[in-house]
């Protein structure tokens, strides 16, 4: 199975997601990995169902929250925290010698799933600003609490740097 040329439904994201007019003609960025989106599964919206990694070096990323260089929470509100946490993921990926398109999984943990849904458009814009149109395998989990009690979101990723 090869990568899907367009992982979005024909009309773009669902009504509560991202409007189709925000997409360029080709929403998927090139990646050295194979994105697998079988027709037997529902159309992926902003993620891939599976990723077959190219041979390479695996980079395991620790959970990233919206912390500044001092390690303290540096943003308030869900979207501001998502923005800084994703920036921290990209910083860690690059520091490990990888690039954002080498991410093969990204897991979102949030203490506010309904707030995340309500902010989906803004979160999508933030995501695309940091990662462009690269959509690794993703999952979102609602949790009761994160280690930092003020944190609303934590991101955990896995990247593979191709040989």
Protein backbone atom coordinates (compact mmCIF):
# COMPACT_ATOMS: atom_id res chain seq x y z
CA UNK A 1 0.00 0.00 0.00
CA UNK A 2 1.35 3.43 -0.88
CA UNK A 3 0.60 6.83 0.49
CA UNK A 4 -2.76 8.40 -0.16
CA UNK A 5 -2.44 11.37 -2.52
CA UNK A 6 -5.03 13.33 -0.55
CA UNK A 7 -5.98 12.22 2.95
CA UNK A 8 -8.87 14.68 3.30
CA UNK A 9 -12.52 14.10 2.48
CA UNK A 10 -13.56 15.69 -0.85
CA UNK A 11 -15.15 18.67 0.92
CA UNK A 12 -12.23 19.22 3.32
CA UNK A 13 -12.52 19.11 7.07
CA UNK A 14 -15.89 18.58 8.73
CA UNK A 15 -18.01 21.63 9.63
CA UNK A 16 -16.63 21.79 13.18
CA UNK A 17 -13.06 21.45 11.91
CA UNK A 18 -11.11 23.43 9.36
CA UNK A 19 -12.77 25.09 6.36
CA UNK A 20 -11.75 23.75 2.92
CA UNK A 21 -10.75 27.21 1.66
CA UNK A 22 -7.75 27.15 4.03
CA UNK A 23 -6.12 24.32 2.04
CA UNK A 24 -3.70 24.58 -0.85
CA UNK A 25 -4.36 22.18 -3.77
CA UNK A 26 -2.00 19.52 -2.33
CA UNK A 27 -2.48 19.26 1.44
CA UNK A 28 0.12 16.53 2.05
CA UNK A 29 3.80 17.41 2.36
CA UNK A 30 6.48 15.03 1.12
CA UNK A 31 7.91 12.73 3.75
CA UNK A 32 10.47 9.92 3.53
CA UNK A 33 7.94 7.69 5.31
CA UNK A 34 4.91 5.98 3.78
CA UNK A 35 1.57 7.29 5.02
CA UNK A 36 -1.04 4.53 4.98
CA UNK A 37 -4.72 5.44 4.83
CA UNK A 38 -6.68 2.35 3.75
CA UNK A 39 -10.10 2.91 2.17
CA UNK A 40 -11.60 0.46 4.70
CA UNK A 41 -11.06 3.09 7.43
CA UNK A 42 -12.75 6.46 7.61
CA UNK A 43 -11.01 9.36 5.89
CA UNK A 44 -8.29 10.77 8.15
CA UNK A 45 -8.72 14.43 9.00
CA UNK A 46 -5.43 16.04 9.97
CA UNK A 47 -3.61 12.75 10.64
CA UNK A 48 -2.64 9.46 8.97
CA UNK A 49 -4.01 6.08 10.08
CA UNK A 50 -0.57 4.45 9.95
CA UNK A 51 2.98 5.37 9.04
CA UNK A 52 5.54 2.90 7.69
CA UNK A 53 8.91 4.36 8.58
CA UNK A 54 11.85 4.45 6.23
CA UNK A 55 15.00 2.82 7.59
CA UNK A 56 16.73 5.23 9.90
CA UNK A 57 17.39 6.51 13.40
CA UNK A 58 14.49 6.65 15.85
CA UNK A 59 14.06 9.75 18.01
CA UNK A 60 11.79 9.38 21.05
CA UNK A 61 10.52 12.75 22.25
CA UNK A 62 9.66 13.44 25.87
CA UNK A 63 6.34 15.03 26.64
CA UNK A 64 6.42 18.73 25.85
CA UNK A 65 4.25 21.29 27.58
CA UNK A 66 4.18 25.06 27.12
CA UNK A 67 7.36 25.60 29.11
CA UNK A 68 9.94 28.29 28.58
CA UNK A 69 13.71 27.87 28.76
CA UNK A 70 13.49 27.97 32.57
CA UNK A 71 11.21 24.89 32.54
CA UNK A 72 8.23 26.82 33.90
CA UNK A 73 4.86 27.06 32.21
CA UNK A 74 5.06 30.12 29.94
CA UNK A 75 1.61 30.35 28.36
CA UNK A 76 -1.99 30.53 29.53
CA UNK A 77 -5.03 29.13 27.77
CA UNK A 78 -5.36 26.03 25.63
CA UNK A 79 -4.38 27.45 22.24
CA UNK A 80 -1.41 29.43 23.58
CA UNK A 81 -0.20 26.33 25.43
CA UNK A 82 -0.67 24.15 22.33
CA UNK A 83 1.34 26.68 20.31
CA UNK A 84 4.31 26.71 22.68
CA UNK A 85 4.18 22.95 23.32
CA UNK A 86 4.26 22.27 19.56
CA UNK A 87 7.11 24.78 19.16
CA UNK A 88 8.95 22.82 21.86
CA UNK A 89 8.34 19.56 19.96
CA UNK A 90 9.82 21.12 16.81
CA UNK A 91 12.80 22.43 18.81
CA UNK A 92 13.46 18.97 20.27
CA UNK A 93 13.08 17.31 16.84
CA UNK A 94 15.56 19.71 15.24
CA UNK A 95 18.01 19.45 18.16
CA UNK A 96 18.02 15.67 17.63
CA UNK A 97 19.02 16.16 13.98
CA UNK A 98 15.57 15.49 12.55
CA UNK A 99 13.10 17.71 10.73
CA UNK A 100 9.38 18.15 11.42
CA UNK A 101 8.48 15.93 8.44
CA UNK A 102 10.34 13.07 10.17
CA UNK A 103 7.66 12.91 12.88
CA UNK A 104 5.84 9.60 12.54
CA UNK A 105 3.57 9.86 15.60
CA UNK A 106 2.26 12.73 17.67
CA UNK A 107 0.09 12.18 20.73
CA UNK A 108 -1.87 14.99 22.35
CA UNK A 109 -2.84 14.78 26.02
CA UNK A 110 -5.26 17.43 27.23
CA UNK A 111 -7.22 18.14 30.37
CA UNK A 112 -9.87 19.93 28.27
CA UNK A 113 -11.11 17.86 25.31
CA UNK A 114 -14.22 20.01 24.80
CA UNK A 115 -12.06 23.15 24.77
CA UNK A 116 -9.74 21.48 22.27
CA UNK A 117 -12.70 20.70 20.00
CA UNK A 118 -14.03 24.24 20.32
CA UNK A 119 -10.60 25.64 19.37
CA UNK A 120 -10.07 23.19 16.47
CA UNK A 121 -9.76 25.89 13.78
CA UNK A 122 -7.17 27.90 15.71
CA UNK A 123 -5.31 24.74 16.75
CA UNK A 124 -5.24 23.70 13.08
CA UNK A 125 -3.73 27.04 12.08
CA UNK A 126 -1.12 26.74 14.85
CA UNK A 127 -0.34 23.17 13.80
CA UNK A 128 0.17 24.16 10.15
CA UNK A 129 2.38 27.10 11.15
CA UNK A 130 4.74 24.70 12.95
CA UNK A 131 4.42 21.49 10.91
CA UNK A 132 2.94 22.60 7.61
CA UNK A 133 0.84 19.93 5.96
CA UNK A 134 2.71 16.97 7.45
CA UNK A 135 0.25 14.67 9.21
CA UNK A 136 1.80 11.80 11.18
CA UNK A 137 -0.22 9.13 12.95
CA UNK A 138 -1.95 11.01 15.76
CA UNK A 139 -4.11 10.43 18.80
CA UNK A 140 -5.69 12.72 21.37
CA UNK A 141 -6.39 11.63 24.93
CA UNK A 142 -8.41 13.43 27.55
CA UNK A 143 -6.70 13.16 30.93
CA UNK A 144 -7.73 14.39 34.35
CA UNK A 145 -4.38 16.00 35.12
CA UNK A 146 -0.89 16.53 33.76
CA UNK A 147 2.28 16.60 35.87
CA UNK A 148 2.28 20.41 35.90
CA UNK A 149 -1.15 21.18 37.38
CA UNK A 150 -1.49 24.38 35.29
CA UNK A 151 -0.69 22.62 31.99
CA UNK A 152 -3.69 22.04 29.73
CA UNK A 153 -1.89 20.16 26.95
CA UNK A 154 1.16 17.92 26.58
CA UNK A 155 2.53 16.56 23.30
CA UNK A 156 4.57 13.38 22.87
CA UNK A 157 6.15 12.44 19.56
CA UNK A 158 8.30 9.94 17.74
CA UNK A 159 10.45 10.79 14.74
CA UNK A 160 12.54 8.65 12.41
CA UNK A 161 15.51 10.24 10.65
CA UNK A 162 15.87 8.37 7.35
CA UNK A 163 19.20 6.78 6.44
